[in-house]
Structures are given as structure tokens and as C-alpha cells.
N, C-alpha and C. Protein backbone atom coordinates (compact mmCIF):
# COMPACT_ATOMS: atom_id res chain seq x y z
N UNK A 1 -5.86 0.28 -26.03
CA UNK A 1 -5.91 1.34 -25.03
C UNK A 1 -6.06 2.68 -25.73
N UNK A 2 -6.84 3.55 -25.13
CA UNK A 2 -6.88 4.94 -25.55
C UNK A 2 -7.03 5.78 -24.30
N UNK A 3 -6.13 6.73 -24.11
CA UNK A 3 -6.19 7.60 -22.94
C UNK A 3 -6.03 9.04 -23.39
N UNK A 4 -6.82 9.91 -22.79
CA UNK A 4 -6.79 11.33 -23.13
C UNK A 4 -6.88 12.19 -21.88
N UNK A 5 -6.41 11.66 -20.73
CA UNK A 5 -6.71 12.27 -19.46
C UNK A 5 -5.76 13.35 -18.97
N UNK A 6 -4.51 13.38 -19.43
CA UNK A 6 -3.58 14.31 -18.80
C UNK A 6 -2.91 15.24 -19.80
N UNK A 7 -2.20 16.22 -19.26
CA UNK A 7 -1.52 17.17 -20.12
C UNK A 7 -0.34 16.56 -20.86
N UNK A 8 0.09 15.37 -20.45
CA UNK A 8 1.20 14.69 -21.12
C UNK A 8 0.73 13.94 -22.37
N UNK A 9 -0.55 13.79 -22.53
CA UNK A 9 -1.10 13.02 -23.64
C UNK A 9 -0.68 13.64 -24.97
N UNK A 10 -0.09 12.85 -25.86
CA UNK A 10 0.28 13.38 -27.17
C UNK A 10 -0.96 13.63 -28.02
N UNK A 11 -0.81 14.40 -29.09
CA UNK A 11 -1.92 14.66 -30.00
C UNK A 11 -2.53 13.33 -30.44
N UNK A 12 -3.82 13.19 -30.29
CA UNK A 12 -4.48 11.94 -30.67
C UNK A 12 -4.61 10.95 -29.54
N UNK A 13 -4.02 11.25 -28.38
CA UNK A 13 -4.14 10.37 -27.21
C UNK A 13 -3.08 9.28 -27.18
N UNK A 14 -2.93 8.65 -26.03
CA UNK A 14 -2.02 7.51 -25.88
C UNK A 14 -2.77 6.28 -26.36
N UNK A 15 -2.15 5.46 -27.19
CA UNK A 15 -2.85 4.32 -27.77
C UNK A 15 -2.27 2.97 -27.41
N UNK A 16 -1.05 2.92 -26.88
CA UNK A 16 -0.44 1.65 -26.51
C UNK A 16 -0.28 1.58 -25.00
N UNK A 17 0.41 2.55 -24.45
CA UNK A 17 0.56 2.71 -23.00
C UNK A 17 0.65 4.19 -22.73
N UNK A 18 0.19 4.61 -21.57
CA UNK A 18 0.24 6.03 -21.25
C UNK A 18 1.67 6.52 -21.09
N UNK A 19 1.96 7.72 -21.59
CA UNK A 19 3.29 8.28 -21.39
C UNK A 19 3.56 8.51 -19.91
N UNK A 20 2.50 8.55 -19.13
CA UNK A 20 2.62 8.72 -17.68
C UNK A 20 2.89 7.40 -16.97
N UNK A 21 2.76 6.29 -17.70
CA UNK A 21 3.02 4.98 -17.11
C UNK A 21 1.77 4.17 -16.80
N UNK A 22 0.60 4.79 -16.89
CA UNK A 22 -0.62 4.02 -16.58
C UNK A 22 -0.92 3.02 -17.69
N UNK A 23 -1.54 1.92 -17.27
CA UNK A 23 -1.90 0.91 -18.25
C UNK A 23 -3.37 1.04 -18.63
N UNK A 24 -3.83 0.15 -19.48
CA UNK A 24 -5.20 0.21 -19.99
C UNK A 24 -6.24 0.12 -18.87
N UNK A 25 -5.98 -0.70 -17.86
CA UNK A 25 -6.94 -0.88 -16.76
C UNK A 25 -7.10 0.41 -15.97
N UNK A 26 -6.00 1.02 -15.60
CA UNK A 26 -6.06 2.27 -14.82
C UNK A 26 -6.72 3.37 -15.64
N UNK A 27 -6.37 3.49 -16.91
CA UNK A 27 -6.98 4.51 -17.76
C UNK A 27 -8.49 4.31 -17.83
N UNK A 28 -8.92 3.07 -17.97
CA UNK A 28 -10.35 2.76 -18.05
C UNK A 28 -11.07 3.10 -16.75
N UNK A 29 -10.48 2.73 -15.62
CA UNK A 29 -11.09 3.03 -14.32
C UNK A 29 -11.20 4.53 -14.09
N UNK A 30 -10.16 5.28 -14.47
CA UNK A 30 -10.21 6.72 -14.32
C UNK A 30 -11.28 7.33 -15.23
N UNK A 31 -11.44 6.81 -16.44
CA UNK A 31 -12.50 7.28 -17.32
C UNK A 31 -13.87 7.07 -16.68
N UNK A 32 -14.07 5.91 -16.08
CA UNK A 32 -15.35 5.60 -15.43
C UNK A 32 -15.64 6.62 -14.34
N UNK A 33 -14.65 6.92 -13.51
CA UNK A 33 -14.84 7.89 -12.43
C UNK A 33 -15.20 9.26 -13.00
N UNK A 34 -14.44 9.71 -13.99
CA UNK A 34 -14.67 11.03 -14.57
C UNK A 34 -16.07 11.11 -15.19
N UNK A 35 -16.45 10.12 -16.00
CA UNK A 35 -17.75 10.16 -16.66
C UNK A 35 -18.89 10.02 -15.65
N UNK A 36 -18.69 9.25 -14.59
CA UNK A 36 -19.73 9.12 -13.55
C UNK A 36 -19.96 10.45 -12.85
N UNK A 37 -18.88 11.14 -12.52
CA UNK A 37 -19.02 12.44 -11.86
C UNK A 37 -19.71 13.45 -12.76
N UNK A 38 -19.39 13.43 -14.05
CA UNK A 38 -20.06 14.32 -14.98
C UNK A 38 -21.55 14.00 -15.04
N UNK A 39 -21.89 12.71 -15.03
CA UNK A 39 -23.29 12.30 -15.06
C UNK A 39 -24.05 12.73 -13.82
N UNK A 40 -23.42 12.57 -12.66
CA UNK A 40 -24.06 12.98 -11.41
C UNK A 40 -24.29 14.48 -11.41
N UNK A 41 -23.31 15.24 -11.85
CA UNK A 41 -23.42 16.69 -11.86
C UNK A 41 -24.55 17.16 -12.77
N UNK A 42 -24.78 16.47 -13.88
CA UNK A 42 -25.82 16.87 -14.83
C UNK A 42 -27.21 16.36 -14.44
N UNK A 43 -27.27 15.31 -13.63
CA UNK A 43 -28.57 14.77 -13.21
C UNK A 43 -29.27 15.81 -12.33
N UNK A 44 -30.51 16.21 -12.67
CA UNK A 44 -31.16 17.30 -11.94
C UNK A 44 -31.85 16.90 -10.64
N UNK A 45 -31.87 15.61 -10.30
CA UNK A 45 -32.64 15.17 -9.14
C UNK A 45 -31.83 15.05 -7.86
N UNK A 46 -32.50 14.61 -6.80
CA UNK A 46 -31.85 14.35 -5.52
C UNK A 46 -31.10 13.02 -5.62
N UNK A 47 -29.98 12.93 -4.91
CA UNK A 47 -29.10 11.76 -5.01
C UNK A 47 -28.85 11.22 -3.61
N UNK A 48 -29.01 9.91 -3.43
CA UNK A 48 -28.76 9.26 -2.14
C UNK A 48 -27.56 8.34 -2.26
N UNK A 49 -26.53 8.59 -1.46
CA UNK A 49 -25.34 7.74 -1.42
C UNK A 49 -25.50 6.75 -0.28
N UNK A 50 -25.38 5.47 -0.58
CA UNK A 50 -25.53 4.45 0.45
C UNK A 50 -24.21 3.76 0.77
N UNK A 51 -23.15 4.13 0.07
CA UNK A 51 -21.82 3.61 0.36
C UNK A 51 -20.83 4.75 0.28
N UNK A 52 -19.61 4.51 0.72
CA UNK A 52 -18.57 5.53 0.64
C UNK A 52 -17.82 5.46 -0.67
N UNK A 53 -18.34 4.72 -1.64
CA UNK A 53 -17.69 4.60 -2.96
C UNK A 53 -18.08 5.77 -3.84
N UNK A 54 -17.96 6.96 -3.30
CA UNK A 54 -18.31 8.18 -4.01
C UNK A 54 -17.14 9.15 -3.87
N UNK A 55 -16.80 9.83 -4.94
CA UNK A 55 -15.74 10.83 -4.89
C UNK A 55 -16.19 12.00 -4.02
N UNK A 56 -15.24 12.77 -3.46
CA UNK A 56 -15.63 13.95 -2.67
C UNK A 56 -16.56 14.85 -3.48
N UNK A 57 -17.55 15.39 -2.80
CA UNK A 57 -18.58 16.17 -3.47
C UNK A 57 -18.08 17.58 -3.73
N UNK A 58 -18.06 17.96 -4.99
CA UNK A 58 -17.67 19.31 -5.39
C UNK A 58 -18.62 19.75 -6.48
N UNK A 59 -18.94 21.01 -6.48
CA UNK A 59 -19.75 21.51 -7.57
C UNK A 59 -21.17 21.80 -7.18
N UNK A 60 -22.01 21.84 -8.18
CA UNK A 60 -23.37 22.33 -8.01
C UNK A 60 -24.35 21.31 -7.45
N UNK A 61 -23.94 20.07 -7.26
CA UNK A 61 -24.90 19.06 -6.82
C UNK A 61 -24.83 18.74 -5.33
N UNK A 62 -23.96 19.40 -4.58
CA UNK A 62 -23.81 19.10 -3.14
C UNK A 62 -25.12 19.29 -2.38
N UNK A 63 -25.89 20.29 -2.75
CA UNK A 63 -27.16 20.54 -2.04
C UNK A 63 -28.23 19.50 -2.38
N UNK A 64 -27.98 18.68 -3.41
CA UNK A 64 -28.94 17.63 -3.81
C UNK A 64 -28.48 16.25 -3.38
N UNK A 65 -27.35 16.17 -2.71
CA UNK A 65 -26.75 14.88 -2.34
C UNK A 65 -27.03 14.60 -0.87
N UNK A 66 -27.40 13.37 -0.58
CA UNK A 66 -27.67 12.93 0.79
C UNK A 66 -26.92 11.62 1.02
N UNK A 67 -26.58 11.36 2.27
CA UNK A 67 -25.95 10.07 2.60
C UNK A 67 -26.82 9.35 3.62
N UNK A 68 -26.60 8.04 3.72
CA UNK A 68 -27.45 7.21 4.58
C UNK A 68 -26.62 6.09 5.21
N UNK A 69 -26.96 5.74 6.43
CA UNK A 69 -26.39 4.60 7.14
C UNK A 69 -24.88 4.77 7.30
N UNK A 70 -24.07 3.84 6.81
CA UNK A 70 -22.62 3.90 7.02
C UNK A 70 -21.94 4.91 6.11
N UNK A 71 -22.63 5.38 5.09
CA UNK A 71 -22.01 6.34 4.18
C UNK A 71 -21.84 7.68 4.88
N UNK A 72 -20.69 8.25 4.75
CA UNK A 72 -20.42 9.56 5.32
C UNK A 72 -19.66 10.40 4.31
N UNK A 73 -20.27 11.45 3.85
CA UNK A 73 -19.65 12.31 2.86
C UNK A 73 -19.58 13.73 3.39
N UNK A 74 -18.43 14.35 3.22
CA UNK A 74 -18.22 15.70 3.72
C UNK A 74 -19.15 16.68 2.99
N UNK A 75 -19.74 17.59 3.76
CA UNK A 75 -20.64 18.63 3.24
C UNK A 75 -21.90 18.07 2.60
N UNK A 76 -22.32 16.90 3.05
CA UNK A 76 -23.54 16.28 2.53
C UNK A 76 -24.45 15.98 3.71
N UNK A 77 -25.73 16.28 3.56
CA UNK A 77 -26.69 16.04 4.63
C UNK A 77 -26.93 14.54 4.80
N UNK A 78 -26.87 14.07 6.05
CA UNK A 78 -27.04 12.65 6.34
C UNK A 78 -28.48 12.37 6.76
N UNK A 79 -29.05 11.31 6.23
CA UNK A 79 -30.39 10.87 6.62
C UNK A 79 -30.27 10.20 7.99
N UNK A 80 -31.00 10.71 8.96
CA UNK A 80 -30.94 10.19 10.33
C UNK A 80 -32.24 9.49 10.71
N UNK A 81 -32.13 8.45 11.50
CA UNK A 81 -33.29 7.74 12.06
C UNK A 81 -34.28 7.27 10.98
N UNK A 82 -33.77 6.88 9.83
CA UNK A 82 -34.60 6.40 8.72
C UNK A 82 -35.68 7.40 8.30
N UNK A 83 -35.43 8.69 8.53
CA UNK A 83 -36.37 9.74 8.13
C UNK A 83 -35.88 10.34 6.80
N UNK A 84 -36.49 9.91 5.72
CA UNK A 84 -36.10 10.35 4.39
C UNK A 84 -36.83 11.62 3.94
N UNK A 85 -37.52 12.27 4.87
CA UNK A 85 -38.29 13.47 4.54
C UNK A 85 -37.44 14.53 3.84
N UNK A 86 -36.23 14.86 4.33
CA UNK A 86 -35.44 15.89 3.63
C UNK A 86 -35.11 15.51 2.18
N UNK A 87 -34.82 14.25 1.94
CA UNK A 87 -34.52 13.78 0.58
C UNK A 87 -35.76 13.88 -0.30
N UNK A 88 -36.90 13.46 0.22
CA UNK A 88 -38.14 13.50 -0.55
C UNK A 88 -38.54 14.95 -0.85
N UNK A 89 -38.43 15.83 0.15
CA UNK A 89 -38.77 17.23 -0.07
C UNK A 89 -37.86 17.86 -1.13
N UNK A 90 -36.57 17.55 -1.07
CA UNK A 90 -35.63 18.09 -2.07
C UNK A 90 -35.99 17.56 -3.46
N UNK A 91 -36.30 16.27 -3.56
CA UNK A 91 -36.65 15.68 -4.85
C UNK A 91 -37.91 16.33 -5.43
N UNK A 92 -38.88 16.63 -4.59
CA UNK A 92 -40.12 17.24 -5.06
C UNK A 92 -39.94 18.68 -5.50
N UNK A 93 -38.98 19.39 -4.92
CA UNK A 93 -38.78 20.79 -5.31
C UNK A 93 -37.92 20.95 -6.57
N UNK A 94 -37.25 19.90 -6.97
CA UNK A 94 -36.39 19.96 -8.15
C UNK A 94 -37.19 19.66 -9.42
N UNK A 95 -36.69 20.11 -10.58
CA UNK A 95 -37.41 19.82 -11.83
C UNK A 95 -37.34 18.35 -12.20
N UNK A 96 -38.28 17.93 -13.07
CA UNK A 96 -38.28 16.55 -13.55
C UNK A 96 -37.00 16.26 -14.31
N UNK A 97 -36.56 15.02 -14.23
CA UNK A 97 -35.33 14.63 -14.92
C UNK A 97 -35.54 14.57 -16.44
N UNK A 98 -36.71 14.14 -16.89
CA UNK A 98 -36.99 14.02 -18.32
C UNK A 98 -35.89 13.31 -19.09
N UNK A 99 -35.51 12.16 -18.59
CA UNK A 99 -34.50 11.34 -19.26
C UNK A 99 -35.23 10.25 -20.01
N UNK A 100 -35.22 10.35 -21.33
CA UNK A 100 -35.91 9.36 -22.15
C UNK A 100 -34.89 8.46 -22.81
N UNK A 101 -35.08 7.16 -22.66
CA UNK A 101 -34.17 6.21 -23.27
C UNK A 101 -34.85 4.85 -23.37
N UNK A 102 -34.55 4.15 -24.44
CA UNK A 102 -35.03 2.78 -24.58
C UNK A 102 -34.01 1.79 -24.03
N UNK A 103 -32.88 2.32 -23.58
CA UNK A 103 -31.80 1.47 -23.09
C UNK A 103 -32.11 0.95 -21.69
N UNK A 104 -31.74 -0.30 -21.42
CA UNK A 104 -31.90 -0.90 -20.11
C UNK A 104 -30.53 -1.01 -19.47
N UNK A 105 -30.43 -0.60 -18.22
CA UNK A 105 -29.17 -0.65 -17.50
C UNK A 105 -29.32 -1.59 -16.32
N UNK A 106 -28.57 -2.67 -16.30
CA UNK A 106 -28.59 -3.61 -15.20
C UNK A 106 -27.44 -3.31 -14.26
N UNK A 107 -27.73 -3.21 -12.98
CA UNK A 107 -26.69 -2.95 -11.98
C UNK A 107 -26.85 -3.91 -10.82
N UNK A 108 -25.89 -3.87 -9.89
CA UNK A 108 -26.02 -4.64 -8.66
C UNK A 108 -25.42 -6.03 -8.73
N UNK A 109 -24.41 -6.22 -9.55
CA UNK A 109 -23.82 -7.54 -9.69
C UNK A 109 -22.53 -7.71 -8.89
N UNK A 110 -22.34 -6.88 -7.87
CA UNK A 110 -21.13 -6.97 -7.06
C UNK A 110 -20.98 -8.33 -6.39
N UNK A 111 -22.09 -9.00 -6.11
CA UNK A 111 -22.01 -10.31 -5.46
C UNK A 111 -21.28 -11.33 -6.33
N UNK A 112 -21.35 -11.17 -7.66
CA UNK A 112 -20.66 -12.10 -8.54
C UNK A 112 -19.14 -12.00 -8.37
N UNK A 113 -18.66 -10.79 -8.11
CA UNK A 113 -17.23 -10.60 -7.87
C UNK A 113 -16.81 -11.30 -6.59
N UNK A 114 -17.61 -11.14 -5.54
CA UNK A 114 -17.29 -11.76 -4.25
C UNK A 114 -17.35 -13.28 -4.35
N UNK A 115 -18.37 -13.80 -5.02
CA UNK A 115 -18.49 -15.26 -5.17
C UNK A 115 -17.28 -15.82 -5.90
N UNK A 116 -16.76 -15.06 -6.87
CA UNK A 116 -15.61 -15.52 -7.64
C UNK A 116 -14.35 -15.70 -6.81
N UNK A 117 -14.27 -14.96 -5.70
CA UNK A 117 -13.07 -15.08 -4.84
C UNK A 117 -13.43 -15.67 -3.47
N UNK A 118 -14.56 -16.34 -3.39
CA UNK A 118 -15.02 -16.91 -2.12
C UNK A 118 -13.99 -17.82 -1.45
N UNK A 119 -13.31 -18.70 -2.17
CA UNK A 119 -12.32 -19.56 -1.50
C UNK A 119 -11.22 -18.74 -0.81
N UNK A 120 -10.76 -17.66 -1.45
CA UNK A 120 -9.74 -16.81 -0.85
C UNK A 120 -10.27 -16.10 0.39
N UNK A 121 -11.52 -15.66 0.34
CA UNK A 121 -12.13 -14.98 1.49
C UNK A 121 -12.26 -15.96 2.65
N UNK A 122 -12.75 -17.15 2.38
CA UNK A 122 -12.90 -18.16 3.44
C UNK A 122 -11.55 -18.47 4.08
N UNK A 123 -10.52 -18.62 3.27
CA UNK A 123 -9.19 -18.91 3.80
C UNK A 123 -8.67 -17.74 4.64
N UNK A 124 -8.91 -16.52 4.19
CA UNK A 124 -8.47 -15.34 4.95
C UNK A 124 -9.17 -15.27 6.30
N UNK A 125 -10.45 -15.65 6.36
CA UNK A 125 -11.17 -15.68 7.64
C UNK A 125 -10.57 -16.76 8.54
N UNK A 126 -10.33 -17.93 7.99
CA UNK A 126 -9.73 -19.02 8.77
C UNK A 126 -8.35 -18.66 9.29
N UNK A 127 -7.58 -17.90 8.49
CA UNK A 127 -6.23 -17.50 8.88
C UNK A 127 -6.23 -16.31 9.83
N UNK A 128 -7.42 -15.75 10.11
CA UNK A 128 -7.50 -14.61 11.01
C UNK A 128 -7.19 -13.27 10.34
N UNK A 129 -7.06 -13.27 9.03
CA UNK A 129 -6.74 -12.02 8.32
C UNK A 129 -7.97 -11.14 8.14
N UNK A 130 -9.14 -11.76 8.15
CA UNK A 130 -10.40 -11.01 8.12
C UNK A 130 -11.16 -11.39 9.38
N UNK A 131 -11.54 -10.38 10.15
CA UNK A 131 -12.23 -10.65 11.41
C UNK A 131 -13.68 -10.22 11.40
N UNK A 132 -14.02 -9.30 10.49
CA UNK A 132 -15.41 -8.89 10.40
C UNK A 132 -15.69 -8.27 9.04
N UNK A 133 -16.95 -8.29 8.64
CA UNK A 133 -17.40 -7.71 7.38
C UNK A 133 -18.33 -6.55 7.69
N UNK A 134 -18.28 -5.53 6.87
CA UNK A 134 -19.18 -4.38 7.04
C UNK A 134 -20.21 -4.35 5.95
């Protein structure tokens, strides 16, 4: 574990367990959130949120952020009636991203997580604990 997130962090960071009580998993998840927000803020293009798994929008990128369908974000323009014209116009008026990399990033594997717990989900539906999926 290595954590450097709070004012309680000793010189050199927490290396076994956080002095605040957080464990390695929580520290790692918080790092992901922080680094993702920094990346979004630095990305010069238009951004479309399709889920509510986004932190509240603060900073210089709010005018470049759009939401769609079930996603609802405060102070963000929502795409209505499948008309993506505002998003496209914003993207065209912004400068090129010019992100050069030989690295490949694979995303979209959330279904593997759900498949891994499928028996529990099926049982929860049968027990009436889950009544609908969104």
C-alpha cells in the first residue's frame, strides 16, 4: 500500500495502512477517482457522460461536458431527443486533442464483473430483493 492523499499522511506516505484508517483498496479507489478527474480536466475536447458514475462537475470543463439518456449531472447540458448537435458543435469549436500514444487501452469489461456474481443476482431476483434493472 502507498497512500499520499490526506494531511495526516506522514513524510513519505502511508505504506502499511493509512493513519486515517483506510486500507489499500480504498486508497487505490480514491487514487483512481482523483487521477480520472485530473485527466478529464486536462482533456481539451467535448465529453459525453452516459452514466451517473461521474463525480460532480467542477472546474474549467463544465462547459465541455454533456449528459445523455439516464445520466443527469448538475450544471451540465443534457442531450435531448437524440440530437447530438450541441455536442458536435462544441467538439468542432475546441482545439485538437493531439494525444499521441502507442499504448492501447481496453475498456468496457463491466459485464465480466456481473457474470462473476450471476448466481447471487439470480437468487436475489427469485427472493424478490431485485425487482428491476436499469
